Amino acid sequence: NEAKEIVLAKVEEQSRAEIAHTVRR
């Protein structure tokens, strides 16, 4: 569960960057 939370946080961070790029465009 702890490892899962770390991976999900990383995925969320990457998704935030993708969302930010789309929003910017």
mmCIF file of all heavy atoms, coordinates in Angstrom:
data_MODEL
# 
_entry.id   MODEL 
# 
loop_
_atom_site.group_PDB 
_atom_site.id 
_atom_site.type_symbol 
_atom_site.label_atom_id 
_atom_site.label_alt_id 
_atom_site.label_comp_id 
_atom_site.label_asym_id 
_atom_site.label_entity_id 
_atom_site.label_seq_id 
_atom_site.pdbx_PDB_ins_code 
_atom_site.Cartn_x 
_atom_site.Cartn_y 
_atom_site.Cartn_z 
_atom_site.occupancy 
_atom_site.B_iso_or_equiv 
_atom_site.pdbx_formal_charge 
_atom_site.auth_seq_id 
_atom_site.auth_comp_id 
_atom_site.auth_asym_id 
_atom_site.auth_atom_id 
_atom_site.pdbx_PDB_model_num 
ATOM 1   N N   . ASN A 1 1  ? 0.830  -1.212 0.000   1.00 0.00 ? 1  ASN A N   1 
ATOM 2   C CA  . ASN A 1 1  ? 0.000  0.000  0.000   1.00 0.00 ? 1  ASN A CA  1 
ATOM 3   C C   . ASN A 1 1  ? 0.861  1.258  0.000   1.00 0.00 ? 1  ASN A C   1 
ATOM 4   O O   . ASN A 1 1  ? 0.566  2.227  -0.708  1.00 0.00 ? 1  ASN A O   1 
ATOM 5   C CB  . ASN A 1 1  ? -0.931 0.006  1.212   1.00 0.00 ? 1  ASN A CB  1 
ATOM 6   C CG  . ASN A 1 1  ? -2.024 -1.047 1.092   1.00 0.00 ? 1  ASN A CG  1 
ATOM 7   O OD1 . ASN A 1 1  ? -2.410 -1.416 -0.017  1.00 0.00 ? 1  ASN A OD1 1 
ATOM 8   N ND2 . ASN A 1 1  ? -2.524 -1.525 2.225   1.00 0.00 ? 1  ASN A ND2 1 
ATOM 9   N N   . GLU A 1 2  ? 1.940  1.232  0.800   1.00 0.00 ? 2  GLU A N   1 
ATOM 10  C CA  . GLU A 1 2  ? 2.829  2.406  0.833   1.00 0.00 ? 2  GLU A CA  1 
ATOM 11  C C   . GLU A 1 2  ? 3.506  2.606  -0.519  1.00 0.00 ? 2  GLU A C   1 
ATOM 12  O O   . GLU A 1 2  ? 3.623  3.735  -1.024  1.00 0.00 ? 2  GLU A O   1 
ATOM 13  C CB  . GLU A 1 2  ? 3.880  2.229  1.930   1.00 0.00 ? 2  GLU A CB  1 
ATOM 14  C CG  . GLU A 1 2  ? 3.288  2.292  3.335   1.00 0.00 ? 2  GLU A CG  1 
ATOM 15  C CD  . GLU A 1 2  ? 4.319  1.937  4.397   1.00 0.00 ? 2  GLU A CD  1 
ATOM 16  O OE1 . GLU A 1 2  ? 5.381  1.365  4.007   1.00 0.00 ? 2  GLU A OE1 1 
ATOM 17  O OE2 . GLU A 1 2  ? 4.090  2.220  5.568   1.00 0.00 ? 2  GLU A OE2 1 
ATOM 18  N N   . ALA A 1 3  ? 3.984  1.495  -1.106  1.00 0.00 ? 3  ALA A N   1 
ATOM 19  C CA  . ALA A 1 3  ? 4.620  1.600  -2.425  1.00 0.00 ? 3  ALA A CA  1 
ATOM 20  C C   . ALA A 1 3  ? 3.611  2.066  -3.475  1.00 0.00 ? 3  ALA A C   1 
ATOM 21  O O   . ALA A 1 3  ? 3.934  2.849  -4.372  1.00 0.00 ? 3  ALA A O   1 
ATOM 22  C CB  . ALA A 1 3  ? 5.210  0.251  -2.820  1.00 0.00 ? 3  ALA A CB  1 
ATOM 23  N N   . LYS A 1 4  ? 2.383  1.586  -3.333  1.00 0.00 ? 4  LYS A N   1 
ATOM 24  C CA  . LYS A 1 4  ? 1.333  1.981  -4.280  1.00 0.00 ? 4  LYS A CA  1 
ATOM 25  C C   . LYS A 1 4  ? 1.072  3.479  -4.201  1.00 0.00 ? 4  LYS A C   1 
ATOM 26  O O   . LYS A 1 4  ? 0.901  4.162  -5.216  1.00 0.00 ? 4  LYS A O   1 
ATOM 27  C CB  . LYS A 1 4  ? 0.064  1.195  -3.965  1.00 0.00 ? 4  LYS A CB  1 
ATOM 28  C CG  . LYS A 1 4  ? -1.058 1.395  -4.976  1.00 0.00 ? 4  LYS A CG  1 
ATOM 29  C CD  . LYS A 1 4  ? -2.229 0.491  -4.635  1.00 0.00 ? 4  LYS A CD  1 
ATOM 30  C CE  . LYS A 1 4  ? -3.344 0.645  -5.670  1.00 0.00 ? 4  LYS A CE  1 
ATOM 31  N NZ  . LYS A 1 4  ? -4.490 -0.233 -5.335  1.00 0.00 ? 4  LYS A NZ  1 
ATOM 32  N N   . GLU A 1 5  ? 1.059  4.017  -2.976  1.00 0.00 ? 5  GLU A N   1 
ATOM 33  C CA  . GLU A 1 5  ? 0.842  5.454  -2.801  1.00 0.00 ? 5  GLU A CA  1 
ATOM 34  C C   . GLU A 1 5  ? 1.958  6.263  -3.453  1.00 0.00 ? 5  GLU A C   1 
ATOM 35  O O   . GLU A 1 5  ? 1.715  7.301  -4.078  1.00 0.00 ? 5  GLU A O   1 
ATOM 36  C CB  . GLU A 1 5  ? 0.746  5.790  -1.311  1.00 0.00 ? 5  GLU A CB  1 
ATOM 37  C CG  . GLU A 1 5  ? -0.540 5.289  -0.669  1.00 0.00 ? 5  GLU A CG  1 
ATOM 38  C CD  . GLU A 1 5  ? -0.583 5.587  0.820   1.00 0.00 ? 5  GLU A CD  1 
ATOM 39  O OE1 . GLU A 1 5  ? 0.396  6.201  1.315   1.00 0.00 ? 5  GLU A OE1 1 
ATOM 40  O OE2 . GLU A 1 5  ? -1.574 5.227  1.482   1.00 0.00 ? 5  GLU A OE2 1 
ATOM 41  N N   . ILE A 1 6  ? 3.206  5.776  -3.356  1.00 0.00 ? 6  ILE A N   1 
ATOM 42  C CA  . ILE A 1 6  ? 4.333  6.489  -3.973  1.00 0.00 ? 6  ILE A CA  1 
ATOM 43  C C   . ILE A 1 6  ? 4.192  6.505  -5.484  1.00 0.00 ? 6  ILE A C   1 
ATOM 44  O O   . ILE A 1 6  ? 4.368  7.531  -6.150  1.00 0.00 ? 6  ILE A O   1 
ATOM 45  C CB  . ILE A 1 6  ? 5.668  5.825  -3.549  1.00 0.00 ? 6  ILE A CB  1 
ATOM 46  C CG1 . ILE A 1 6  ? 5.891  6.024  -2.055  1.00 0.00 ? 6  ILE A CG1 1 
ATOM 47  C CG2 . ILE A 1 6  ? 6.830  6.405  -4.346  1.00 0.00 ? 6  ILE A CG2 1 
ATOM 48  C CD1 . ILE A 1 6  ? 7.081  5.269  -1.518  1.00 0.00 ? 6  ILE A CD1 1 
ATOM 49  N N   . VAL A 1 7  ? 3.860  5.337  -6.043  1.00 0.00 ? 7  VAL A N   1 
ATOM 50  C CA  . VAL A 1 7  ? 3.725  5.256  -7.505  1.00 0.00 ? 7  VAL A CA  1 
ATOM 51  C C   . VAL A 1 7  ? 2.560  6.125  -7.986  1.00 0.00 ? 7  VAL A C   1 
ATOM 52  O O   . VAL A 1 7  ? 2.669  6.855  -8.987  1.00 0.00 ? 7  VAL A O   1 
ATOM 53  C CB  . VAL A 1 7  ? 3.526  3.791  -7.940  1.00 0.00 ? 7  VAL A CB  1 
ATOM 54  C CG1 . VAL A 1 7  ? 3.206  3.714  -9.424  1.00 0.00 ? 7  VAL A CG1 1 
ATOM 55  C CG2 . VAL A 1 7  ? 4.777  2.989  -7.636  1.00 0.00 ? 7  VAL A CG2 1 
ATOM 56  N N   . LEU A 1 8  ? 1.422  6.060  -7.267  1.00 0.00 ? 8  LEU A N   1 
ATOM 57  C CA  . LEU A 1 8  ? 0.275  6.872  -7.665  1.00 0.00 ? 8  LEU A CA  1 
ATOM 58  C C   . LEU A 1 8  ? 0.576  8.362  -7.566  1.00 0.00 ? 8  LEU A C   1 
ATOM 59  O O   . LEU A 1 8  ? 0.130  9.158  -8.400  1.00 0.00 ? 8  LEU A O   1 
ATOM 60  C CB  . LEU A 1 8  ? -0.934 6.528  -6.790  1.00 0.00 ? 8  LEU A CB  1 
ATOM 61  C CG  . LEU A 1 8  ? -1.553 5.138  -7.025  1.00 0.00 ? 8  LEU A CG  1 
ATOM 62  C CD1 . LEU A 1 8  ? -2.689 4.881  -6.052  1.00 0.00 ? 8  LEU A CD1 1 
ATOM 63  C CD2 . LEU A 1 8  ? -2.057 5.025  -8.466  1.00 0.00 ? 8  LEU A CD2 1 
ATOM 64  N N   . ALA A 1 9  ? 1.341  8.758  -6.565  1.00 0.00 ? 9  ALA A N   1 
ATOM 65  C CA  . ALA A 1 9  ? 1.729  10.164 -6.455  1.00 0.00 ? 9  ALA A CA  1 
ATOM 66  C C   . ALA A 1 9  ? 2.580  10.586 -7.641  1.00 0.00 ? 9  ALA A C   1 
ATOM 67  O O   . ALA A 1 9  ? 2.422  11.688 -8.186  1.00 0.00 ? 9  ALA A O   1 
ATOM 68  C CB  . ALA A 1 9  ? 2.489  10.387 -5.148  1.00 0.00 ? 9  ALA A CB  1 
ATOM 69  N N   . LYS A 1 10 ? 3.490  9.670  -8.071  1.00 0.00 ? 10 LYS A N   1 
ATOM 70  C CA  . LYS A 1 10 ? 4.328  9.976  -9.240  1.00 0.00 ? 10 LYS A CA  1 
ATOM 71  C C   . LYS A 1 10 ? 3.468  10.073 -10.495 1.00 0.00 ? 10 LYS A C   1 
ATOM 72  O O   . LYS A 1 10 ? 3.656  10.983 -11.327 1.00 0.00 ? 10 LYS A O   1 
ATOM 73  C CB  . LYS A 1 10 ? 5.381  8.867  -9.397  1.00 0.00 ? 10 LYS A CB  1 
ATOM 74  C CG  . LYS A 1 10 ? 6.402  9.157  -10.504 1.00 0.00 ? 10 LYS A CG  1 
ATOM 75  C CD  . LYS A 1 10 ? 7.242  10.375 -10.189 1.00 0.00 ? 10 LYS A CD  1 
ATOM 76  C CE  . LYS A 1 10 ? 8.294  10.610 -11.252 1.00 0.00 ? 10 LYS A CE  1 
ATOM 77  N NZ  . LYS A 1 10 ? 9.070  11.847 -11.001 1.00 0.00 ? 10 LYS A NZ  1 
ATOM 78  N N   . VAL A 1 11 ? 2.533  9.130  -10.644 1.00 0.00 ? 11 VAL A N   1 
ATOM 79  C CA  . VAL A 1 11 ? 1.652  9.167  -11.811 1.00 0.00 ? 11 VAL A CA  1 
ATOM 80  C C   . VAL A 1 11 ? 0.808  10.442 -11.800 1.00 0.00 ? 11 VAL A C   1 
ATOM 81  O O   . VAL A 1 11 ? 0.607  11.086 -12.829 1.00 0.00 ? 11 VAL A O   1 
ATOM 82  C CB  . VAL A 1 11 ? 0.738  7.922  -11.837 1.00 0.00 ? 11 VAL A CB  1 
ATOM 83  C CG1 . VAL A 1 11 ? -0.332 8.050  -12.909 1.00 0.00 ? 11 VAL A CG1 1 
ATOM 84  C CG2 . VAL A 1 11 ? 1.576  6.669  -12.073 1.00 0.00 ? 11 VAL A CG2 1 
ATOM 85  N N   . GLU A 1 12 ? 0.320  10.824 -10.612 1.00 0.00 ? 12 GLU A N   1 
ATOM 86  C CA  . GLU A 1 12 ? -0.472 12.050 -10.507 1.00 0.00 ? 12 GLU A CA  1 
ATOM 87  C C   . GLU A 1 12 ? 0.352  13.274 -10.899 1.00 0.00 ? 12 GLU A C   1 
ATOM 88  O O   . GLU A 1 12 ? -0.136 14.173 -11.573 1.00 0.00 ? 12 GLU A O   1 
ATOM 89  C CB  . GLU A 1 12 ? -0.994 12.198 -9.080  1.00 0.00 ? 12 GLU A CB  1 
ATOM 90  C CG  . GLU A 1 12 ? -1.869 13.429 -8.886  1.00 0.00 ? 12 GLU A CG  1 
ATOM 91  C CD  . GLU A 1 12 ? -2.369 13.542 -7.457  1.00 0.00 ? 12 GLU A CD  1 
ATOM 92  O OE1 . GLU A 1 12 ? -2.088 12.635 -6.654  1.00 0.00 ? 12 GLU A OE1 1 
ATOM 93  O OE2 . GLU A 1 12 ? -3.026 14.551 -7.160  1.00 0.00 ? 12 GLU A OE2 1 
ATOM 94  N N   . GLU A 1 13 ? 1.621  13.270 -10.488 1.00 0.00 ? 13 GLU A N   1 
ATOM 95  C CA  . GLU A 1 13 ? 2.498  14.389 -10.841 1.00 0.00 ? 13 GLU A CA  1 
ATOM 96  C C   . GLU A 1 13 ? 2.689  14.471 -12.357 1.00 0.00 ? 13 GLU A C   1 
ATOM 97  O O   . GLU A 1 13 ? 2.624  15.549 -12.960 1.00 0.00 ? 13 GLU A O   1 
ATOM 98  C CB  . GLU A 1 13 ? 3.842  14.221 -10.143 1.00 0.00 ? 13 GLU A CB  1 
ATOM 99  C CG  . GLU A 1 13 ? 4.817  15.356 -10.417 1.00 0.00 ? 13 GLU A CG  1 
ATOM 100 C CD  . GLU A 1 13 ? 6.140  15.158 -9.696  1.00 0.00 ? 13 GLU A CD  1 
ATOM 101 O OE1 . GLU A 1 13 ? 6.231  14.225 -8.879  1.00 0.00 ? 13 GLU A OE1 1 
ATOM 102 O OE2 . GLU A 1 13 ? 7.076  15.920 -9.963  1.00 0.00 ? 13 GLU A OE2 1 
ATOM 103 N N   . GLN A 1 14 ? 2.925  13.300 -12.996 1.00 0.00 ? 14 GLN A N   1 
ATOM 104 C CA  . GLN A 1 14 ? 3.074  13.280 -14.442 1.00 0.00 ? 14 GLN A CA  1 
ATOM 105 C C   . GLN A 1 14 ? 1.776  13.697 -15.137 1.00 0.00 ? 14 GLN A C   1 
ATOM 106 O O   . GLN A 1 14 ? 1.790  14.441 -16.119 1.00 0.00 ? 14 GLN A O   1 
ATOM 107 C CB  . GLN A 1 14 ? 3.497  11.883 -14.902 1.00 0.00 ? 14 GLN A CB  1 
ATOM 108 C CG  . GLN A 1 14 ? 4.902  11.484 -14.449 1.00 0.00 ? 14 GLN A CG  1 
ATOM 109 C CD  . GLN A 1 14 ? 5.250  10.067 -14.855 1.00 0.00 ? 14 GLN A CD  1 
ATOM 110 O OE1 . GLN A 1 14 ? 4.392  9.343  -15.353 1.00 0.00 ? 14 GLN A OE1 1 
ATOM 111 N NE2 . GLN A 1 14 ? 6.494  9.669  -14.626 1.00 0.00 ? 14 GLN A NE2 1 
ATOM 112 N N   . SER A 1 15 ? 0.642  13.224 -14.615 1.00 0.00 ? 15 SER A N   1 
ATOM 113 C CA  . SER A 1 15 ? -0.644 13.593 -15.203 1.00 0.00 ? 15 SER A CA  1 
ATOM 114 C C   . SER A 1 15 ? -0.897 15.090 -15.056 1.00 0.00 ? 15 SER A C   1 
ATOM 115 O O   . SER A 1 15 ? -1.438 15.737 -15.952 1.00 0.00 ? 15 SER A O   1 
ATOM 116 C CB  . SER A 1 15 ? -1.778 12.820 -14.527 1.00 0.00 ? 15 SER A CB  1 
ATOM 117 O OG  . SER A 1 15 ? -1.599 11.430 -14.701 1.00 0.00 ? 15 SER A OG  1 
ATOM 118 N N   . ARG A 1 16 ? -0.494 15.666 -13.932 1.00 0.00 ? 16 ARG A N   1 
ATOM 119 C CA  . ARG A 1 16 ? -0.660 17.103 -13.732 1.00 0.00 ? 16 ARG A CA  1 
ATOM 120 C C   . ARG A 1 16 ? 0.104  17.881 -14.786 1.00 0.00 ? 16 ARG A C   1 
ATOM 121 O O   . ARG A 1 16 ? -0.383 18.876 -15.319 1.00 0.00 ? 16 ARG A O   1 
ATOM 122 C CB  . ARG A 1 16 ? -0.197 17.495 -12.332 1.00 0.00 ? 16 ARG A CB  1 
ATOM 123 C CG  . ARG A 1 16 ? -0.259 18.984 -12.058 1.00 0.00 ? 16 ARG A CG  1 
ATOM 124 C CD  . ARG A 1 16 ? 0.247  19.304 -10.652 1.00 0.00 ? 16 ARG A CD  1 
ATOM 125 N NE  . ARG A 1 16 ? 0.370  20.736 -10.457 1.00 0.00 ? 16 ARG A NE  1 
ATOM 126 C CZ  . ARG A 1 16 ? -0.617 21.544 -10.097 1.00 0.00 ? 16 ARG A CZ  1 
ATOM 127 N NH1 . ARG A 1 16 ? -1.816 21.052 -9.913  1.00 0.00 ? 16 ARG A NH1 1 
ATOM 128 N NH2 . ARG A 1 16 ? -0.414 22.838 -9.945  1.00 0.00 ? 16 ARG A NH2 1 
ATOM 129 N N   . ALA A 1 17 ? 1.320  17.403 -15.104 1.00 0.00 ? 17 ALA A N   1 
ATOM 130 C CA  . ALA A 1 17 ? 2.107  18.081 -16.133 1.00 0.00 ? 17 ALA A CA  1 
ATOM 131 C C   . ALA A 1 17 ? 1.414  17.997 -17.493 1.00 0.00 ? 17 ALA A C   1 
ATOM 132 O O   . ALA A 1 17 ? 1.353  18.976 -18.243 1.00 0.00 ? 17 ALA A O   1 
ATOM 133 C CB  . ALA A 1 17 ? 3.501  17.464 -16.209 1.00 0.00 ? 17 ALA A CB  1 
ATOM 134 N N   . GLU A 1 18 ? 0.861  16.805 -17.815 1.00 0.00 ? 18 GLU A N   1 
ATOM 135 C CA  . GLU A 1 18 ? 0.146  16.653 -19.082 1.00 0.00 ? 18 GLU A CA  1 
ATOM 136 C C   . GLU A 1 18 ? -1.102 17.534 -19.121 1.00 0.00 ? 18 GLU A C   1 
ATOM 137 O O   . GLU A 1 18 ? -1.395 18.184 -20.128 1.00 0.00 ? 18 GLU A O   1 
ATOM 138 C CB  . GLU A 1 18 ? -0.236 15.189 -19.283 1.00 0.00 ? 18 GLU A CB  1 
ATOM 139 C CG  . GLU A 1 18 ? 0.975  14.267 -19.499 1.00 0.00 ? 18 GLU A CG  1 
ATOM 140 C CD  . GLU A 1 18 ? 0.560  12.823 -19.633 1.00 0.00 ? 18 GLU A CD  1 
ATOM 141 O OE1 . GLU A 1 18 ? -0.661 12.570 -19.573 1.00 0.00 ? 18 GLU A OE1 1 
ATOM 142 O OE2 . GLU A 1 18 ? 1.436  11.951 -19.793 1.00 0.00 ? 18 GLU A OE2 1 
ATOM 143 N N   . ILE A 1 19 ? -1.827 17.564 -18.002 1.00 0.00 ? 19 ILE A N   1 
ATOM 144 C CA  . ILE A 1 19 ? -3.020 18.405 -17.937 1.00 0.00 ? 19 ILE A CA  1 
ATOM 145 C C   . ILE A 1 19 ? -2.655 19.870 -18.087 1.00 0.00 ? 19 ILE A C   1 
ATOM 146 O O   . ILE A 1 19 ? -3.308 20.638 -18.794 1.00 0.00 ? 19 ILE A O   1 
ATOM 147 C CB  . ILE A 1 19 ? -3.771 18.162 -16.608 1.00 0.00 ? 19 ILE A CB  1 
ATOM 148 C CG1 . ILE A 1 19 ? -4.360 16.746 -16.586 1.00 0.00 ? 19 ILE A CG1 1 
ATOM 149 C CG2 . ILE A 1 19 ? -4.868 19.198 -16.398 1.00 0.00 ? 19 ILE A CG2 1 
ATOM 150 C CD1 . ILE A 1 19 ? -4.916 16.330 -15.242 1.00 0.00 ? 19 ILE A CD1 1 
ATOM 151 N N   . ALA A 1 20 ? -1.584 20.277 -17.417 1.00 0.00 ? 20 ALA A N   1 
ATOM 152 C CA  . ALA A 1 20 ? -1.139 21.669 -17.506 1.00 0.00 ? 20 ALA A CA  1 
ATOM 153 C C   . ALA A 1 20 ? -0.771 22.036 -18.943 1.00 0.00 ? 20 ALA A C   1 
ATOM 154 O O   . ALA A 1 20 ? -1.089 23.131 -19.423 1.00 0.00 ? 20 ALA A O   1 
ATOM 155 C CB  . ALA A 1 20 ? 0.047  21.908 -16.583 1.00 0.00 ? 20 ALA A CB  1 
ATOM 156 N N   . HIS A 1 21 ? -0.114 21.084 -19.636 1.00 0.00 ? 21 HIS A N   1 
ATOM 157 C CA  . HIS A 1 21 ? 0.262  21.348 -21.026 1.00 0.00 ? 21 HIS A CA  1 
ATOM 158 C C   . HIS A 1 21 ? -0.995 21.507 -21.900 1.00 0.00 ? 21 HIS A C   1 
ATOM 159 O O   . HIS A 1 21 ? -1.081 22.418 -22.733 1.00 0.00 ? 21 HIS A O   1 
ATOM 160 C CB  . HIS A 1 21 ? 1.122  20.194 -21.541 1.00 0.00 ? 21 HIS A CB  1 
ATOM 161 C CG  . HIS A 1 21 ? 1.530  20.352 -22.978 1.00 0.00 ? 21 HIS A CG  1 
ATOM 162 N ND1 . HIS A 1 21 ? 2.457  21.296 -23.383 1.00 0.00 ? 21 HIS A ND1 1 
ATOM 163 C CD2 . HIS A 1 21 ? 1.121  19.714 -24.105 1.00 0.00 ? 21 HIS A CD2 1 
ATOM 164 C CE1 . HIS A 1 21 ? 2.603  21.217 -24.699 1.00 0.00 ? 21 HIS A CE1 1 
ATOM 165 N NE2 . HIS A 1 21 ? 1.805  20.269 -25.156 1.00 0.00 ? 21 HIS A NE2 1 
ATOM 166 N N   . THR A 1 22 ? -1.992 20.625 -21.700 1.00 0.00 ? 22 THR A N   1 
ATOM 167 C CA  . THR A 1 22 ? -3.223 20.716 -22.475 1.00 0.00 ? 22 THR A CA  1 
ATOM 168 C C   . THR A 1 22 ? -3.977 22.010 -22.172 1.00 0.00 ? 22 THR A C   1 
ATOM 169 O O   . THR A 1 22 ? -4.466 22.697 -23.067 1.00 0.00 ? 22 THR A O   1 
ATOM 170 C CB  . THR A 1 22 ? -4.131 19.511 -22.179 1.00 0.00 ? 22 THR A CB  1 
ATOM 171 O OG1 . THR A 1 22 ? -3.402 18.298 -22.435 1.00 0.00 ? 22 THR A OG1 1 
ATOM 172 C CG2 . THR A 1 22 ? -5.378 19.542 -23.044 1.00 0.00 ? 22 THR A CG2 1 
ATOM 173 N N   . VAL A 1 23 ? -4.057 22.338 -20.875 1.00 0.00 ? 23 VAL A N   1 
ATOM 174 C CA  . VAL A 1 23 ? -4.733 23.577 -20.479 1.00 0.00 ? 23 VAL A CA  1 
ATOM 175 C C   . VAL A 1 23 ? -4.047 24.787 -21.089 1.00 0.00 ? 23 VAL A C   1 
ATOM 176 O O   . VAL A 1 23 ? -4.692 25.716 -21.579 1.00 0.00 ? 23 VAL A O   1 
ATOM 177 C CB  . VAL A 1 23 ? -4.774 23.691 -18.942 1.00 0.00 ? 23 VAL A CB  1 
ATOM 178 C CG1 . VAL A 1 23 ? -5.210 25.085 -18.517 1.00 0.00 ? 23 VAL A CG1 1 
ATOM 179 C CG2 . VAL A 1 23 ? -5.718 22.650 -18.370 1.00 0.00 ? 23 VAL A CG2 1 
ATOM 180 N N   . ARG A 1 24 ? -2.733 24.745 -21.090 1.00 0.00 ? 24 ARG A N   1 
ATOM 181 C CA  . ARG A 1 24 ? -1.984 25.876 -21.648 1.00 0.00 ? 24 ARG A CA  1 
ATOM 182 C C   . ARG A 1 24 ? -2.281 26.051 -23.137 1.00 0.00 ? 24 ARG A C   1 
ATOM 183 O O   . ARG A 1 24 ? -2.519 27.161 -23.614 1.00 0.00 ? 24 ARG A O   1 
ATOM 184 C CB  . ARG A 1 24 ? -0.490 25.644 -21.426 1.00 0.00 ? 24 ARG A CB  1 
ATOM 185 C CG  . ARG A 1 24 ? 0.395  26.757 -21.958 1.00 0.00 ? 24 ARG A CG  1 
ATOM 186 C CD  . ARG A 1 24 ? 1.850  26.406 -21.748 1.00 0.00 ? 24 ARG A CD  1 
ATOM 187 N NE  . ARG A 1 24 ? 2.725  27.444 -22.253 1.00 0.00 ? 24 ARG A NE  1 
ATOM 188 C CZ  . ARG A 1 24 ? 4.054  27.349 -22.296 1.00 0.00 ? 24 ARG A CZ  1 
ATOM 189 N NH1 . ARG A 1 24 ? 4.652  26.254 -21.851 1.00 0.00 ? 24 ARG A NH1 1 
ATOM 190 N NH2 . ARG A 1 24 ? 4.775  28.343 -22.762 1.00 0.00 ? 24 ARG A NH2 1 
ATOM 191 N N   . ARG A 1 25 ? -2.293 24.935 -23.861 1.00 0.00 ? 25 ARG A N   1 
ATOM 192 C CA  . ARG A 1 25 ? -2.548 25.017 -25.296 1.00 0.00 ? 25 ARG A CA  1 
ATOM 193 C C   . ARG A 1 25 ? -3.965 25.522 -25.575 1.00 0.00 ? 25 ARG A C   1 
ATOM 194 O O   . ARG A 1 25 ? -4.165 26.440 -26.379 1.00 0.00 ? 25 ARG A O   1 
ATOM 195 C CB  . ARG A 1 25 ? -2.338 23.642 -25.934 1.00 0.00 ? 25 ARG A CB  1 
ATOM 196 C CG  . ARG A 1 25 ? -2.634 23.595 -27.432 1.00 0.00 ? 25 ARG A CG  1 
ATOM 197 C CD  . ARG A 1 25 ? -2.309 22.225 -27.995 1.00 0.00 ? 25 ARG A CD  1 
ATOM 198 N NE  . ARG A 1 25 ? -3.041 21.178 -27.331 1.00 0.00 ? 25 ARG A NE  1 
ATOM 199 C CZ  . ARG A 1 25 ? -4.317 20.859 -27.609 1.00 0.00 ? 25 ARG A CZ  1 
ATOM 200 N NH1 . ARG A 1 25 ? -4.975 21.544 -28.524 1.00 0.00 ? 25 ARG A NH1 1 
ATOM 201 N NH2 . ARG A 1 25 ? -4.918 19.876 -26.971 1.00 0.00 ? 25 ARG A NH2 1 
# 
